[in-house]
Protein backbone atom coordinates (compact mmCIF):
# COMPACT_ATOMS: atom_id res chain seq x y z
CA MET A 1 141.92 54.82 141.62
CA GLY A 2 143.34 54.08 138.14
CA GLU A 3 143.25 56.14 134.97
CA LEU A 4 139.96 56.78 133.23
CA CYS A 5 139.17 55.97 129.59
CA LYS A 6 140.37 58.80 127.37
CA SER A 7 137.35 58.33 125.10
CA CYS A 8 134.33 58.08 127.37
CA TRP A 9 135.95 59.20 130.64
CA THR A 10 133.94 56.63 132.56
CA GLY A 11 135.66 53.28 132.13
CA PRO A 12 138.95 52.28 133.67
CA ALA A 13 142.25 52.11 131.78
CA GLU A 14 143.53 53.91 128.69
CA LEU A 15 140.61 52.70 126.53
CA CYS A 16 137.80 50.74 128.09
CA ALA A 17 136.50 47.55 126.42
CA SER A 18 133.30 49.28 125.32
CA CYS A 19 135.11 52.14 123.56
CA LEU A 20 137.64 49.71 122.09
CA ASP A 21 134.78 47.62 120.63
CA LYS A 22 133.22 50.77 119.15
CA MET A 23 136.53 51.81 117.59
CA VAL A 24 137.12 48.34 116.15
CA GLY A 25 133.54 48.29 114.80
CA ASN A 26 133.98 51.72 113.23
CA LEU A 27 137.31 50.70 111.68
CA ARG A 28 135.77 47.45 110.38
CA ASN A 29 132.87 49.39 108.84
CA ARG A 30 135.27 51.85 107.23
CA LEU A 31 137.39 49.02 105.85
CA ILE A 32 134.29 47.29 104.47
CA ALA A 33 133.14 50.55 102.87
CA GLU A 34 136.63 51.05 101.40
CA ASP A 35 136.68 47.48 100.07
CA ILE A 36 133.30 48.04 98.44
CA ARG A 37 134.54 51.29 96.91
CA ILE A 38 137.66 49.54 95.58
CA MET A 39 135.54 46.73 94.12
CA ASP A 40 133.29 49.32 92.45
CA LEU A 41 136.32 51.11 91.02
CA ARG A 42 137.74 47.82 89.75
CA GLU A 43 134.41 46.94 88.16
CA LYS A 44 134.21 50.37 86.53
CA GLN A 45 137.80 49.99 85.27
CA ARG A 46 136.95 46.54 83.90
CA MET A 47 133.93 47.98 82.08
CA ILE A 48 136.05 50.82 80.68
CA ASP A 49 138.65 48.29 79.51
CA LEU A 50 135.93 46.18 77.88
CA LYS A 51 134.44 49.21 76.15
CA GLN A 52 137.86 50.37 75.02
CA GLY A 53 138.65 46.89 73.69
CA THR A 54 135.31 46.80 71.91
CA MET A 55 135.88 50.27 70.47
CA GLU A 56 139.38 49.31 69.30
CA LYS A 57 137.99 46.14 67.72
CA ARG A 58 135.24 48.10 65.97
CA LEU A 59 137.76 50.69 64.80
CA LYS A 60 139.92 47.94 63.27
CA GLU A 61 136.84 46.44 61.60
CA LEU A 62 135.89 49.87 60.26
CA GLU A 63 139.41 50.45 58.97
CA GLU A 64 139.30 47.08 57.20
CA ILE A 65 135.90 47.88 55.69
CA LEU A 66 137.10 51.30 54.54
CA ALA A 67 140.23 49.76 53.06
CA GLN A 68 138.13 47.21 51.18
CA ALA A 69 135.64 49.89 50.13
CA GLY A 70 138.50 52.07 48.93
CA LEU A 71 139.72 49.30 46.65
CA ASN A 72 136.21 48.63 45.45
CA GLN A 73 135.62 52.32 44.74
CA GLU A 74 138.81 52.52 42.71
CA GLU A 75 137.89 49.39 40.81
CA THR A 76 134.36 50.68 40.21
CA ILE A 77 135.62 54.04 38.99
CA ALA A 78 138.09 52.37 36.64
CA HIS A 79 135.37 50.06 35.35
CA MET A 80 133.01 53.01 34.79
CA ALA A 81 135.75 54.93 33.00
CA ASP A 82 136.38 51.92 30.74
CA GLN A 83 132.67 51.66 29.96
CA ILE A 84 132.53 55.36 29.10
CA LEU A 85 135.56 55.02 26.83
CA GLN A 86 133.98 52.00 25.12
CA PHE A 87 130.77 53.96 24.65
CA LEU A 88 132.64 56.92 23.21
CA GLU A 89 134.64 54.70 20.84
CA SER A 90 131.64 52.62 19.76
CA ASN A 91 129.78 55.82 18.90
CA ARG A 92 132.84 57.12 17.05
CA ILE A 93 133.25 59.99 19.45
CA GLU A 94 136.82 61.15 19.84
CA SER A 95 138.37 59.46 22.87
CA PRO A 96 139.30 61.81 25.70
CA GLY A 97 142.90 62.00 26.91
CA PRO A 98 144.17 60.43 30.17
CA SER A 99 143.70 63.62 32.20
CA GLN A 100 140.10 63.88 31.01
CA VAL A 101 139.46 60.24 31.97
CA GLY A 102 140.87 60.91 35.44
CA GLU A 103 138.72 64.01 35.73
CA LEU A 104 135.68 62.06 34.59
CA ALA A 105 136.42 59.30 37.14
CA LEU A 106 136.80 61.90 39.88
CA ASN A 107 133.47 63.46 38.96
CA LEU A 108 131.82 60.01 38.99
CA TYR A 109 133.33 59.35 42.41
CA ARG A 110 131.97 62.67 43.73
CA ILE A 111 128.50 61.88 42.38
CA ALA A 112 128.55 58.39 43.95
CA THR A 113 129.75 59.79 47.29
CA LYS A 114 127.12 62.53 47.27
CA ARG A 115 124.37 59.99 46.59
CA ARG A 116 125.59 57.77 49.44
CA ILE A 117 125.51 60.71 51.85
CA GLU A 118 122.01 61.72 50.76
């Protein structure tokens, strides 16, 4: 009599056809499960990449908006300071010095920022 199956101990040979089929089926199922897991991981990575790209794009847009707003704020402050100087001069009030104008512009900026936050 020949050797028995080392898996089921009933069939002939090293591994009988039935046990070999089971092993191949199990390996196939494990490979399919692994493929599915890899596809899920790739999809998750793709979504992360998309979100990161979107976030980077939004960050660049925000930086551009802030840069533009920064210029506009400076221009607005300068314009307001000019209007205040014109008002002071038209009402024959002594014109403040450059440091006072800068201080006044800074105070106007703080007021505008505070109002925006509120």
